[in-house]
Amino acid sequence: MDHQDGQRSEPADGGPDEDRLFSEANAWHFRLQSDDVRPAERVAFAEWLARSPAHARAWTGLQTLLHDLKEPARAAYAGSRIASPRRPAAAGARRFAAAMTILLVVGGLGVWRGPTLYQNAVADQVTSTGQRRTLTLPDGSTVDMNGDTALALDYREGERRVRILRGEAWFSVTRDPDHPFVVDGGAGAARVLGTQFSVRRDSDRTTVAVGEGLVEVVAHRNADGHAPWPDSVRLRPGESAEADANGLTGPRAVDPAVAFAWRQGQIVFRQQSLASVIAALNRQWPGRVVLLNDEAAERVVSGVFALDRPDAVIDALERGLGVRATRITPYLTLLR
């Protein structure tokens, strides 16, 4: 977070500065509830709170809003009818929207942990966000795991099968014509004899991209027993395919310099929306980057960035797109 000396005046009638402070108060609220909050962060919060009367008002306003939200929620749950509150002013509506954004994006991390904890429990290999690891499998094949990835291995009875529970991995497969190598990504599976390719699983979507050799991608059957059309597709180097609940799409061209850049510690964006860029960054770094400016979500980003220099990426977004970053803690950055 940027620190400034002394007090500064804030507009009395609300506006962007008031909205900014309210967003910062939201972020501090959820960070201070975290189990791993550090003493230095508590000191930084105390400094933030004492910086000006406007900071204190933002914090008090947030606590009041969170308290006031409890009763309507209880009433709605009980099915009781309450009188409609007075329509909030525009500034109040903006603050409410900001609160809901942080509640869903930052506070919601607690909700997301449920599937993650289950996946970690059944996985044989796990990486945390921002961590990358290379494994050697029992058959001599190697796997490069991207950050926030969980894999389950099945080498029983001569099978060579890997389940990717979440995340992304690059496979360099030792050739064995008698034992196909299968990577199950949920919606679809990749089947090879010996080649190099990557598989990414995003919830119910599986993406396969090929670097070398041939890969057969097979869509899993629907609940009614019928496979989506097409049932399978063969990919060559520089091609990718996606499988989801709607079926299998591909092959389509993929740029290896972009798709596999993470293996060299880089991330590449070519004419991608800021919203998709932030989603990609949040898969690579611990903590969260939160975009509070809906108008900036579709701005186009291009560039090559080092994954171990997150500050340089944020600085580049500020210079290139005109957004402004507020670093609440090392684990939370707000973009406006």
C-alpha atoms as a PDB file:
ATOM      1  CA  MET A   1       0.000   0.000   0.000  1.00  0.00           C
ATOM      2  CA  ASP A   2       1.264   3.490  -0.761  1.00  0.00           C
ATOM      3  CA  HIS A   3       2.132   5.438   2.382  1.00  0.00           C
ATOM      4  CA  GLN A   4       1.912   9.216   2.621  1.00  0.00           C
ATOM      5  CA  ASP A   5       3.146  11.557   5.360  1.00  0.00           C
ATOM      6  CA  GLY A   6       0.723  13.661   7.295  1.00  0.00           C
ATOM      7  CA  GLN A   7      -2.996  14.131   6.894  1.00  0.00           C
ATOM      8  CA  ARG A   8      -4.805  14.804   3.687  1.00  0.00           C
ATOM      9  CA  SER A   9      -8.222  16.235   3.100  1.00  0.00           C
ATOM     10  CA  GLU A  10     -10.933  14.099   1.577  1.00  0.00           C
ATOM     11  CA  PRO A  11     -13.993  15.362  -0.269  1.00  0.00           C
ATOM     12  CA  ALA A  12     -16.938  15.685   2.086  1.00  0.00           C
ATOM     13  CA  ASP A  13     -19.538  14.598  -0.466  1.00  0.00           C
ATOM     14  CA  GLY A  14     -18.064  11.184  -1.333  1.00  0.00           C
ATOM     15  CA  GLY A  15     -16.798  10.195  -4.747  1.00  0.00           C
ATOM     16  CA  PRO A  16     -13.832   8.246  -6.104  1.00  0.00           C
ATOM     17  CA  ASP A  17     -11.564   8.869  -3.081  1.00  0.00           C
ATOM     18  CA  GLU A  18     -14.257   7.716  -0.696  1.00  0.00           C
ATOM     19  CA  ASP A  19     -14.888   4.631  -2.832  1.00  0.00           C
ATOM     20  CA  ARG A  20     -11.142   3.892  -2.893  1.00  0.00           C
ATOM     21  CA  LEU A  21     -10.863   4.068   0.899  1.00  0.00           C
ATOM     22  CA  PHE A  22     -13.941   1.911   1.292  1.00  0.00           C
ATOM     23  CA  SER A  23     -12.382  -0.731  -0.993  1.00  0.00           C
ATOM     24  CA  GLU A  24      -9.162  -0.623   1.018  1.00  0.00           C
ATOM     25  CA  ALA A  25     -11.151  -1.043   4.233  1.00  0.00           C
ATOM     26  CA  ASN A  26     -12.833  -4.118   2.742  1.00  0.00           C
ATOM     27  CA  ALA A  27      -9.482  -5.638   1.880  1.00  0.00           C
ATOM     28  CA  TRP A  28      -8.065  -4.932   5.337  1.00  0.00           C
ATOM     29  CA  HIS A  29     -11.129  -6.473   6.993  1.00  0.00           C
ATOM     30  CA  PHE A  30     -10.678  -9.838   5.315  1.00  0.00           C
ATOM     31  CA  ARG A  31      -6.897  -9.851   5.522  1.00  0.00           C
ATOM     32  CA  LEU A  32      -7.002  -9.268   9.299  1.00  0.00           C
ATOM     33  CA  GLN A  33      -9.272 -12.302   9.699  1.00  0.00           C
ATOM     34  CA  SER A  34      -6.776 -14.584   7.977  1.00  0.00           C
ATOM     35  CA  ASP A  35      -4.917 -17.171  10.029  1.00  0.00           C
ATOM     36  CA  ASP A  36      -1.547 -16.161   8.566  1.00  0.00           C
ATOM     37  CA  VAL A  37      -1.776 -12.398   9.097  1.00  0.00           C
ATOM     38  CA  ARG A  38       1.619 -11.100  10.217  1.00  0.00           C
ATOM     39  CA  PRO A  39       2.433  -8.606  13.008  1.00  0.00           C
ATOM     40  CA  ALA A  40       3.879  -6.227  10.406  1.00  0.00           C
ATOM     41  CA  GLU A  41       0.541  -6.247   8.590  1.00  0.00           C
ATOM     42  CA  ARG A  42      -1.312  -5.351  11.795  1.00  0.00           C
ATOM     43  CA  VAL A  43       1.067  -2.429  12.246  1.00  0.00           C
ATOM     44  CA  ALA A  44       0.478  -1.377   8.625  1.00  0.00           C
ATOM     45  CA  PHE A  45      -3.279  -1.496   9.215  1.00  0.00           C
ATOM     46  CA  ALA A  46      -2.974   0.672  12.312  1.00  0.00           C
ATOM     47  CA  GLU A  47      -0.979   3.197  10.274  1.00  0.00           C
ATOM     48  CA  TRP A  48      -3.591   3.096   7.503  1.00  0.00           C
ATOM     49  CA  LEU A  49      -6.439   3.628   9.980  1.00  0.00           C
ATOM     50  CA  ALA A  50      -4.706   6.606  11.634  1.00  0.00           C
ATOM     51  CA  ARG A  51      -3.737   8.282   8.367  1.00  0.00           C
ATOM     52  CA  SER A  52      -6.781  10.584   8.226  1.00  0.00           C
ATOM     53  CA  PRO A  53     -10.359  10.944   9.524  1.00  0.00           C
ATOM     54  CA  ALA A  54     -11.547   9.707   6.110  1.00  0.00           C
ATOM     55  CA  HIS A  55      -9.722   6.404   6.634  1.00  0.00           C
ATOM     56  CA  ALA A  56     -11.400   5.981  10.012  1.00  0.00           C
ATOM     57  CA  ARG A  57     -14.801   6.827   8.477  1.00  0.00           C
ATOM     58  CA  ALA A  58     -14.284   4.230   5.763  1.00  0.00           C
ATOM     59  CA  TRP A  59     -13.468   1.565   8.335  1.00  0.00           C
ATOM     60  CA  THR A  60     -16.459   2.480  10.509  1.00  0.00           C
ATOM     61  CA  GLY A  61     -18.720   2.570   7.463  1.00  0.00           C
ATOM     62  CA  LEU A  62     -17.617  -0.904   6.433  1.00  0.00           C
ATOM     63  CA  GLN A  63     -18.259  -2.370   9.874  1.00  0.00           C
ATOM     64  CA  THR A  64     -21.693  -0.750   9.922  1.00  0.00           C
ATOM     65  CA  LEU A  65     -22.539  -2.121   6.482  1.00  0.00           C
ATOM     66  CA  LEU A  66     -21.438  -5.652   7.359  1.00  0.00           C
ATOM     67  CA  HIS A  67     -23.513  -5.486  10.538  1.00  0.00           C
ATOM     68  CA  ASP A  68     -26.556  -4.143   8.696  1.00  0.00           C
ATOM     69  CA  LEU A  69     -26.351  -6.918   6.101  1.00  0.00           C
ATOM     70  CA  LYS A  70     -26.899  -9.582   8.740  1.00  0.00           C
ATOM     71  CA  GLU A  71     -30.513  -8.762   9.545  1.00  0.00           C
ATOM     72  CA  PRO A  72     -31.819  -8.718   5.921  1.00  0.00           C
ATOM     73  CA  ALA A  73     -30.056 -12.031   5.348  1.00  0.00           C
ATOM     74  CA  ARG A  74     -31.681 -13.571   8.412  1.00  0.00           C
ATOM     75  CA  ALA A  75     -35.060 -12.184   7.403  1.00  0.00           C
ATOM     76  CA  ALA A  76     -34.757 -13.525   3.866  1.00  0.00           C
ATOM     77  CA  TYR A  77     -33.751 -16.923   5.178  1.00  0.00           C
ATOM     78  CA  ALA A  78     -36.768 -16.994   7.491  1.00  0.00           C
ATOM     79  CA  GLY A  79     -39.077 -15.908   4.684  1.00  0.00           C
ATOM     80  CA  SER A  80     -40.291 -12.850   6.553  1.00  0.00           C
ATOM     81  CA  ARG A  81     -41.236  -9.640   4.771  1.00  0.00           C
ATOM     82  CA  ILE A  82     -39.576  -6.381   5.727  1.00  0.00           C
ATOM     83  CA  ALA A  83     -40.135  -2.872   4.522  1.00  0.00           C
ATOM     84  CA  SER A  84     -38.003  -1.838   1.569  1.00  0.00           C
ATOM     85  CA  PRO A  85     -35.169   0.431   2.683  1.00  0.00           C
ATOM     86  CA  ARG A  86     -34.707   3.853   1.216  1.00  0.00           C
ATOM     87  CA  ARG A  87     -32.964   3.668  -2.172  1.00  0.00           C
ATOM     88  CA  PRO A  88     -29.280   4.388  -1.550  1.00  0.00           C
ATOM     89  CA  ALA A  89     -27.541   7.303  -3.142  1.00  0.00           C
ATOM     90  CA  ALA A  90     -25.157   6.670  -6.030  1.00  0.00           C
ATOM     91  CA  ALA A  91     -22.078   6.785  -3.803  1.00  0.00           C
ATOM     92  CA  GLY A  92     -23.717   4.363  -1.375  1.00  0.00           C
ATOM     93  CA  ALA A  93     -24.560   2.007  -4.213  1.00  0.00           C
ATOM     94  CA  ARG A  94     -20.965   2.095  -5.420  1.00  0.00           C
ATOM     95  CA  ARG A  95     -19.707   1.308  -1.933  1.00  0.00           C
ATOM     96  CA  PHE A  96     -22.201  -1.526  -1.597  1.00  0.00           C
ATOM     97  CA  ALA A  97     -21.067  -2.975  -4.933  1.00  0.00           C
ATOM     98  CA  ALA A  98     -17.439  -2.686  -3.848  1.00  0.00           C
ATOM     99  CA  ALA A  99     -18.254  -4.473  -0.613  1.00  0.00           C
ATOM    100  CA  MET A 100     -19.966  -7.301  -2.446  1.00  0.00           C
ATOM    101  CA  THR A 101     -17.023  -7.580  -4.857  1.00  0.00           C
ATOM    102  CA  ILE A 102     -14.543  -8.008  -2.020  1.00  0.00           C
ATOM    103  CA  LEU A 103     -16.902 -10.317  -0.123  1.00  0.00           C
ATOM    104  CA  LEU A 104     -17.168 -12.610  -3.149  1.00  0.00           C
ATOM    105  CA  VAL A 105     -13.597 -12.389  -4.424  1.00  0.00           C
ATOM    106  CA  VAL A 106     -11.565 -12.085  -1.232  1.00  0.00           C
ATOM    107  CA  GLY A 107     -13.837 -13.443   1.461  1.00  0.00           C
ATOM    108  CA  GLY A 108     -14.943 -16.180  -0.909  1.00  0.00           C
ATOM    109  CA  LEU A 109     -11.483 -17.730  -0.766  1.00  0.00           C
ATOM    110  CA  GLY A 110     -12.740 -19.597   2.272  1.00  0.00           C
ATOM    111  CA  VAL A 111     -15.469 -21.188   0.177  1.00  0.00           C
ATOM    112  CA  TRP A 112     -13.018 -22.259  -2.509  1.00  0.00           C
ATOM    113  CA  ARG A 113     -10.861 -24.120  -0.009  1.00  0.00           C
ATOM    114  CA  GLY A 114     -13.398 -26.957   0.247  1.00  0.00           C
ATOM    115  CA  PRO A 115     -12.730 -28.552  -3.171  1.00  0.00           C
ATOM    116  CA  THR A 116      -9.031 -27.740  -2.849  1.00  0.00           C
ATOM    117  CA  LEU A 117      -8.714 -29.556   0.464  1.00  0.00           C
ATOM    118  CA  TYR A 118     -10.465 -32.626  -0.958  1.00  0.00           C
ATOM    119  CA  GLN A 119      -8.289 -32.611  -4.069  1.00  0.00           C
ATOM    120  CA  ASN A 120      -5.139 -32.297  -1.977  1.00  0.00           C
ATOM    121  CA  ALA A 121      -6.252 -35.203   0.190  1.00  0.00           C
ATOM    122  CA  VAL A 122      -6.643 -37.615  -2.746  1.00  0.00           C
ATOM    123  CA  ALA A 123      -3.680 -36.311  -4.782  1.00  0.00           C
ATOM    124  CA  ASP A 124      -0.241 -37.889  -4.875  1.00  0.00           C
ATOM    125  CA  GLN A 125       1.510 -34.662  -5.918  1.00  0.00           C
ATOM    126  CA  VAL A 126       0.463 -31.059  -5.195  1.00  0.00           C
ATOM    127  CA  THR A 127       1.949 -27.635  -5.884  1.00  0.00           C
ATOM    128  CA  SER A 128       0.840 -24.433  -4.193  1.00  0.00           C
ATOM    129  CA  THR A 129       0.077 -21.200  -6.032  1.00  0.00           C
ATOM    130  CA  GLY A 130       3.273 -19.798  -7.534  1.00  0.00           C
ATOM    131  CA  GLN A 131       5.204 -23.057  -7.055  1.00  0.00           C
ATOM    132  CA  ARG A 132       6.499 -25.182  -9.955  1.00  0.00           C
ATOM    133  CA  ARG A 133       7.926 -28.683  -9.672  1.00  0.00           C
ATOM    134  CA  THR A 134       9.373 -31.404 -11.925  1.00  0.00           C
ATOM    135  CA  LEU A 135       8.621 -35.067 -11.191  1.00  0.00           C
ATOM    136  CA  THR A 136       9.937 -38.359 -12.555  1.00  0.00           C
ATOM    137  CA  LEU A 137       7.179 -40.982 -12.822  1.00  0.00           C
ATOM    138  CA  PRO A 138       7.668 -44.754 -12.252  1.00  0.00           C
ATOM    139  CA  ASP A 139       7.990 -45.418 -16.009  1.00  0.00           C
ATOM    140  CA  GLY A 140      10.653 -42.743 -16.491  1.00  0.00           C
ATOM    141  CA  SER A 141       8.278 -40.134 -17.913  1.00  0.00           C
ATOM    142  CA  THR A 142       8.612 -36.619 -16.473  1.00  0.00           C
ATOM    143  CA  VAL A 143       6.007 -34.064 -15.423  1.00  0.00           C
ATOM    144  CA  ASP A 144       6.419 -30.303 -14.994  1.00  0.00           C
ATOM    145  CA  MET A 145       3.691 -29.105 -12.627  1.00  0.00           C
ATOM    146  CA  ASN A 146       2.512 -25.515 -12.824  1.00  0.00           C
ATOM    147  CA  GLY A 147       1.371 -23.651  -9.708  1.00  0.00           C
ATOM    148  CA  ASP A 148      -1.796 -24.704  -7.856  1.00  0.00           C
ATOM    149  CA  THR A 149      -1.882 -28.160  -9.437  1.00  0.00           C
ATOM    150  CA  ALA A 150      -2.921 -31.533  -8.003  1.00  0.00           C
ATOM    151  CA  LEU A 151      -2.179 -34.907  -9.628  1.00  0.00           C
ATOM    152  CA  ALA A 152      -3.228 -38.453  -8.747  1.00  0.00           C
ATOM    153  CA  LEU A 153      -1.116 -41.290 -10.171  1.00  0.00           C
ATOM    154  CA  ASP A 154      -2.345 -44.782 -11.107  1.00  0.00           C
ATOM    155  CA  TYR A 155       0.352 -47.233 -12.215  1.00  0.00           C
ATOM    156  CA  ARG A 156      -1.354 -50.415 -11.064  1.00  0.00           C
ATOM    157  CA  GLU A 157      -1.400 -53.552 -13.207  1.00  0.00           C
ATOM    158  CA  GLY A 158       0.793 -52.063 -15.904  1.00  0.00           C
ATOM    159  CA  GLU A 159      -1.370 -48.982 -16.458  1.00  0.00           C
ATOM    160  CA  ARG A 160       0.133 -45.553 -16.969  1.00  0.00           C
ATOM    161  CA  ARG A 161      -2.624 -43.162 -15.908  1.00  0.00           C
ATOM    162  CA  VAL A 162      -2.525 -39.704 -14.333  1.00  0.00           C
ATOM    163  CA  ARG A 163      -5.563 -37.780 -13.129  1.00  0.00           C
ATOM    164  CA  ILE A 164      -5.208 -34.022 -13.113  1.00  0.00           C
ATOM    165  CA  LEU A 165      -7.548 -32.831 -10.366  1.00  0.00           C
ATOM    166  CA  ARG A 166      -6.856 -29.153 -10.952  1.00  0.00           C
ATOM    167  CA  GLY A 167      -4.221 -26.938 -12.524  1.00  0.00           C
ATOM    168  CA  GLU A 168      -1.786 -27.560 -15.369  1.00  0.00           C
ATOM    169  CA  ALA A 169       1.044 -29.957 -16.180  1.00  0.00           C
ATOM    170  CA  TRP A 170       3.470 -30.668 -19.010  1.00  0.00           C
ATOM    171  CA  PHE A 171       4.167 -34.331 -19.762  1.00  0.00           C
ATOM    172  CA  SER A 172       7.245 -35.760 -21.477  1.00  0.00           C
ATOM    173  CA  VAL A 173       6.242 -39.382 -21.953  1.00  0.00           C
ATOM    174  CA  THR A 174       8.597 -42.331 -22.309  1.00  0.00           C
ATOM    175  CA  ARG A 175       7.539 -44.385 -25.323  1.00  0.00           C
ATOM    176  CA  ASP A 176       5.940 -47.756 -24.541  1.00  0.00           C
ATOM    177  CA  PRO A 177       3.711 -49.158 -27.331  1.00  0.00           C
ATOM    178  CA  ASP A 178       2.272 -51.834 -25.044  1.00  0.00           C
ATOM    179  CA  HIS A 179       1.137 -49.414 -22.345  1.00  0.00           C
ATOM    180  CA  PRO A 180      -0.591 -46.194 -23.479  1.00  0.00           C
ATOM    181  CA  PHE A 181      -0.109 -43.147 -21.266  1.00  0.00           C
ATOM    182  CA  VAL A 182      -3.428 -41.526 -20.296  1.00  0.00           C
ATOM    183  CA  VAL A 183      -4.027 -38.167 -18.613  1.00  0.00           C
ATOM    184  CA  ASP A 184      -7.604 -37.808 -17.352  1.00  0.00           C
ATOM    185  CA  GLY A 185      -8.681 -34.181 -17.053  1.00  0.00           C
ATOM    186  CA  GLY A 186     -12.312 -34.628 -16.030  1.00  0.00           C
ATOM    187  CA  ALA A 187     -14.265 -33.621 -19.139  1.00  0.00           C
ATOM    188  CA  GLY A 188     -11.774 -35.365 -21.415  1.00  0.00           C
ATOM    189  CA  ALA A 189      -8.642 -37.490 -21.498  1.00  0.00           C
ATOM    190  CA  ALA A 190      -5.396 -37.387 -23.495  1.00  0.00           C
ATOM    191  CA  ARG A 191      -3.995 -40.726 -24.700  1.00  0.00           C
ATOM    192  CA  VAL A 192      -0.459 -41.127 -26.083  1.00  0.00           C
ATOM    193  CA  LEU A 193       2.266 -43.706 -26.622  1.00  0.00           C
ATOM    194  CA  GLY A 194       5.205 -41.333 -26.247  1.00  0.00           C
ATOM    195  CA  THR A 195       5.222 -37.572 -26.790  1.00  0.00           C
ATOM    196  CA  GLN A 196       5.235 -34.118 -25.150  1.00  0.00           C
ATOM    197  CA  PHE A 197       2.082 -32.185 -24.344  1.00  0.00           C
ATOM    198  CA  SER A 198       0.314 -30.150 -21.663  1.00  0.00           C
ATOM    199  CA  VAL A 199      -3.051 -30.595 -19.983  1.00  0.00           C
ATOM    200  CA  ARG A 200      -4.893 -27.882 -18.093  1.00  0.00           C
ATOM    201  CA  ARG A 201      -8.027 -28.431 -16.020  1.00  0.00           C
ATOM    202  CA  ASP A 202     -10.204 -25.423 -15.167  1.00  0.00           C
ATOM    203  CA  SER A 203     -13.195 -26.742 -13.232  1.00  0.00           C
ATOM    204  CA  ASP A 204     -15.189 -28.678 -15.871  1.00  0.00           C
ATOM    205  CA  ARG A 205     -13.007 -27.724 -18.859  1.00  0.00           C
ATOM    206  CA  THR A 206      -9.972 -29.665 -20.051  1.00  0.00           C
ATOM    207  CA  THR A 207      -7.464 -28.135 -22.486  1.00  0.00           C
ATOM    208  CA  VAL A 208      -4.775 -30.205 -24.208  1.00  0.00           C
ATOM    209  CA  ALA A 209      -1.914 -28.628 -26.198  1.00  0.00           C
ATOM    210  CA  VAL A 210       0.774 -30.603 -28.048  1.00  0.00           C
ATOM    211  CA  GLY A 211       4.449 -29.746 -28.254  1.00  0.00           C
ATOM    212  CA  GLU A 212       5.739 -32.910 -29.954  1.00  0.00           C
ATOM    213  CA  GLY A 213       4.275 -36.107 -31.406  1.00  0.00           C
ATOM    214  CA  LEU A 214       0.610 -37.120 -31.678  1.00  0.00           C
ATOM    215  CA  VAL A 215      -2.020 -36.958 -28.934  1.00  0.00           C
ATOM    216  CA  GLU A 216      -5.523 -38.403 -29.044  1.00  0.00           C
ATOM    217  CA  VAL A 217      -8.058 -36.413 -27.005  1.00  0.00           C
ATOM    218  CA  VAL A 218     -11.222 -38.294 -26.042  1.00  0.00           C
ATOM    219  CA  ALA A 219     -14.368 -36.664 -24.635  1.00  0.00           C
ATOM    220  CA  HIS A 220     -15.944 -38.429 -21.676  1.00  0.00           C
ATOM    221  CA  ARG A 221     -19.510 -39.590 -22.103  1.00  0.00           C
ATOM    222  CA  ASN A 222     -22.475 -37.649 -20.745  1.00  0.00           C
ATOM    223  CA  ALA A 223     -24.666 -38.941 -17.960  1.00  0.00           C
ATOM    224  CA  ASP A 224     -27.080 -40.388 -20.553  1.00  0.00           C
ATOM    225  CA  GLY A 225     -24.283 -42.573 -21.928  1.00  0.00           C
ATOM    226  CA  HIS A 226     -23.859 -40.693 -25.194  1.00  0.00           C
ATOM    227  CA  ALA A 227     -20.578 -39.003 -26.035  1.00  0.00           C
ATOM    228  CA  PRO A 228     -20.679 -35.373 -27.227  1.00  0.00           C
ATOM    229  CA  TRP A 229     -19.797 -34.887 -30.901  1.00  0.00           C
ATOM    230  CA  PRO A 230     -17.047 -35.304 -31.914  1.00  0.00           C
ATOM    231  CA  ASP A 231     -16.056 -38.259 -29.765  1.00  0.00           C
ATOM    232  CA  SER A 232     -12.301 -37.812 -30.213  1.00  0.00           C
ATOM    233  CA  VAL A 233      -9.714 -35.786 -32.099  1.00  0.00           C
ATOM    234  CA  ARG A 234      -6.032 -36.251 -32.914  1.00  0.00           C
ATOM    235  CA  LEU A 235      -3.666 -33.378 -32.263  1.00  0.00           C
ATOM    236  CA  ARG A 236      -0.320 -32.655 -33.896  1.00  0.00           C
ATOM    237  CA  PRO A 237       2.438 -30.306 -32.665  1.00  0.00           C
ATOM    238  CA  GLY A 238       1.170 -26.742 -32.367  1.00  0.00           C
ATOM    239  CA  GLU A 239      -2.473 -27.807 -31.969  1.00  0.00           C
ATOM    240  CA  SER A 240      -4.880 -27.820 -29.028  1.00  0.00           C
ATOM    241  CA  ALA A 241      -8.383 -29.021 -28.173  1.00  0.00           C
ATOM    242  CA  GLU A 242     -10.882 -28.375 -25.386  1.00  0.00           C
ATOM    243  CA  ALA A 243     -13.411 -30.713 -23.785  1.00  0.00           C
ATOM    244  CA  ASP A 244     -16.263 -29.578 -21.558  1.00  0.00           C
ATOM    245  CA  ALA A 245     -19.904 -30.372 -20.859  1.00  0.00           C
ATOM    246  CA  ASN A 246     -20.833 -29.220 -24.363  1.00  0.00           C
ATOM    247  CA  GLY A 247     -18.451 -31.589 -26.111  1.00  0.00           C
ATOM    248  CA  LEU A 248     -15.057 -31.481 -27.780  1.00  0.00           C
ATOM    249  CA  THR A 249     -13.718 -28.589 -29.872  1.00  0.00           C
ATOM    250  CA  GLY A 250     -10.566 -28.543 -31.978  1.00  0.00           C
ATOM    251  CA  PRO A 251      -8.056 -28.971 -33.291  1.00  0.00           C
ATOM    252  CA  ARG A 252      -7.043 -25.335 -33.332  1.00  0.00           C
ATOM    253  CA  ALA A 253      -3.663 -23.675 -33.706  1.00  0.00           C
ATOM    254  CA  VAL A 254      -1.767 -22.816 -30.534  1.00  0.00           C
ATOM    255  CA  ASP A 255       1.431 -20.807 -30.148  1.00  0.00           C
ATOM    256  CA  PRO A 256       3.908 -22.854 -28.070  1.00  0.00           C
ATOM    257  CA  ALA A 257       5.689 -19.653 -27.031  1.00  0.00           C
ATOM    258  CA  VAL A 258       2.476 -18.599 -25.282  1.00  0.00           C
ATOM    259  CA  ALA A 259       1.001 -21.916 -24.140  1.00  0.00           C
ATOM    260  CA  PHE A 260       4.194 -23.299 -22.613  1.00  0.00           C
ATOM    261  CA  ALA A 261       5.864 -20.059 -21.447  1.00  0.00           C
ATOM    262  CA  TRP A 262       5.246 -20.898 -17.788  1.00  0.00           C
ATOM    263  CA  ARG A 263       7.814 -23.694 -18.050  1.00  0.00           C
ATOM    264  CA  GLN A 264      10.503 -21.024 -18.578  1.00  0.00           C
ATOM    265  CA  GLY A 265       9.180 -18.891 -15.723  1.00  0.00           C
ATOM    266  CA  GLN A 266       7.360 -16.500 -18.053  1.00  0.00           C
ATOM    267  CA  ILE A 267       3.798 -15.544 -18.843  1.00  0.00           C
ATOM    268  CA  VAL A 268       2.869 -14.202 -22.277  1.00  0.00           C
ATOM    269  CA  PHE A 269      -0.202 -12.180 -23.235  1.00  0.00           C
ATOM    270  CA  ARG A 270      -1.119 -11.390 -26.823  1.00  0.00           C
ATOM    271  CA  GLN A 271      -4.160  -9.197 -27.331  1.00  0.00           C
ATOM    272  CA  GLN A 272      -5.916 -10.560 -24.255  1.00  0.00           C
ATOM    273  CA  SER A 273      -8.480  -8.771 -22.100  1.00  0.00           C
ATOM    274  CA  LEU A 274      -7.355  -7.368 -18.756  1.00  0.00           C
ATOM    275  CA  ALA A 275      -9.923  -9.582 -17.021  1.00  0.00           C
ATOM    276  CA  SER A 276      -8.379 -12.748 -18.507  1.00  0.00           C
ATOM    277  CA  VAL A 277      -4.882 -11.478 -17.698  1.00  0.00           C
ATOM    278  CA  ILE A 278      -5.793 -11.023 -14.041  1.00  0.00           C
ATOM    279  CA  ALA A 279      -7.327 -14.506 -13.938  1.00  0.00           C
ATOM    280  CA  ALA A 280      -4.057 -15.920 -15.313  1.00  0.00           C
ATOM    281  CA  LEU A 281      -1.947 -13.969 -12.825  1.00  0.00           C
ATOM    282  CA  ASN A 282      -4.046 -15.185  -9.909  1.00  0.00           C
ATOM    283  CA  ARG A 283      -3.249 -18.771 -10.931  1.00  0.00           C
ATOM    284  CA  GLN A 284       0.482 -18.015 -10.780  1.00  0.00           C
ATOM    285  CA  TRP A 285       0.907 -15.869  -7.661  1.00  0.00           C
ATOM    286  CA  PRO A 286       0.024 -16.303  -4.003  1.00  0.00           C
ATOM    287  CA  GLY A 287      -2.728 -13.875  -2.991  1.00  0.00           C
ATOM    288  CA  ARG A 288      -5.149 -12.090  -5.275  1.00  0.00           C
ATOM    289  CA  VAL A 289      -5.266  -9.259  -7.780  1.00  0.00           C
ATOM    290  CA  VAL A 290      -8.773  -7.764  -7.784  1.00  0.00           C
ATOM    291  CA  LEU A 291     -10.065  -5.510 -10.574  1.00  0.00           C
ATOM    292  CA  LEU A 292     -12.562  -2.954  -9.261  1.00  0.00           C
ATOM    293  CA  ASN A 293     -12.997  -1.069 -12.545  1.00  0.00           C
ATOM    294  CA  ASP A 294     -15.494  -2.876 -14.783  1.00  0.00           C
ATOM    295  CA  GLU A 295     -14.817  -0.477 -17.651  1.00  0.00           C
ATOM    296  CA  ALA A 296     -11.171  -1.583 -17.783  1.00  0.00           C
ATOM    297  CA  ALA A 297     -11.959  -5.323 -17.866  1.00  0.00           C
ATOM    298  CA  GLU A 298     -11.977  -5.517 -21.689  1.00  0.00           C
ATOM    299  CA  ARG A 299      -8.871  -3.404 -22.294  1.00  0.00           C
ATOM    300  CA  VAL A 300      -6.317  -5.325 -24.359  1.00  0.00           C
ATOM    301  CA  VAL A 301      -2.977  -6.436 -22.934  1.00  0.00           C
ATOM    302  CA  SER A 302       0.127  -7.726 -24.763  1.00  0.00           C
ATOM    303  CA  GLY A 303       3.517  -8.469 -23.251  1.00  0.00           C
ATOM    304  CA  VAL A 304       6.026 -10.985 -21.903  1.00  0.00           C
ATOM    305  CA  PHE A 305       6.551 -10.960 -18.132  1.00  0.00           C
ATOM    306  CA  ALA A 306       8.653 -12.870 -15.606  1.00  0.00           C
ATOM    307  CA  LEU A 307       6.539 -14.878 -13.164  1.00  0.00           C
ATOM    308  CA  ASP A 308       8.927 -14.148 -10.297  1.00  0.00           C
ATOM    309  CA  ARG A 309       8.487 -10.357 -10.684  1.00  0.00           C
ATOM    310  CA  PRO A 310       4.817  -9.628  -9.946  1.00  0.00           C
ATOM    311  CA  ASP A 311       5.473  -5.978  -9.129  1.00  0.00           C
ATOM    312  CA  ALA A 312       6.903  -5.441 -12.612  1.00  0.00           C
ATOM    313  CA  VAL A 313       3.730  -6.858 -14.169  1.00  0.00           C
ATOM    314  CA  ILE A 314       1.489  -4.602 -12.088  1.00  0.00           C
ATOM    315  CA  ASP A 315       3.677  -1.581 -12.898  1.00  0.00           C
ATOM    316  CA  ALA A 316       3.417  -2.402 -16.619  1.00  0.00           C
ATOM    317  CA  LEU A 317      -0.384  -2.604 -16.392  1.00  0.00           C
ATOM    318  CA  GLU A 318      -0.464   0.777 -14.667  1.00  0.00           C
ATOM    319  CA  ARG A 319       1.707   2.406 -17.332  1.00  0.00           C
ATOM    320  CA  GLY A 320       0.133   0.720 -20.336  1.00  0.00           C
ATOM    321  CA  LEU A 321      -3.559   0.781 -19.416  1.00  0.00           C
ATOM    322  CA  GLY A 322      -3.837   3.729 -17.075  1.00  0.00           C
ATOM    323  CA  VAL A 323      -5.168   1.636 -14.187  1.00  0.00           C
ATOM    324  CA  ARG A 324      -3.995   2.368 -10.659  1.00  0.00           C
ATOM    325  CA  ALA A 325      -2.796  -0.296  -8.234  1.00  0.00           C
ATOM    326  CA  THR A 326      -3.230  -0.226  -4.480  1.00  0.00           C
ATOM    327  CA  ARG A 327      -1.117  -2.835  -2.712  1.00  0.00           C
ATOM    328  CA  ILE A 328      -3.010  -3.651   0.459  1.00  0.00           C
ATOM    329  CA  THR A 329      -0.638  -6.415   1.559  1.00  0.00           C
ATOM    330  CA  PRO A 330       1.822  -8.653  -0.294  1.00  0.00           C
ATOM    331  CA  TYR A 331      -1.187 -10.932  -0.806  1.00  0.00           C
ATOM    332  CA  LEU A 332      -3.766  -8.468  -2.095  1.00  0.00           C
ATOM    333  CA  THR A 333      -3.580  -5.818  -4.839  1.00  0.00           C
ATOM    334  CA  LEU A 334      -6.559  -3.751  -5.989  1.00  0.00           C
ATOM    335  CA  LEU A 335      -6.676  -2.385  -9.558  1.00  0.00           C
ATOM    336  CA  ARG A 336      -8.914   0.582 -10.395  1.00  0.00           C
END
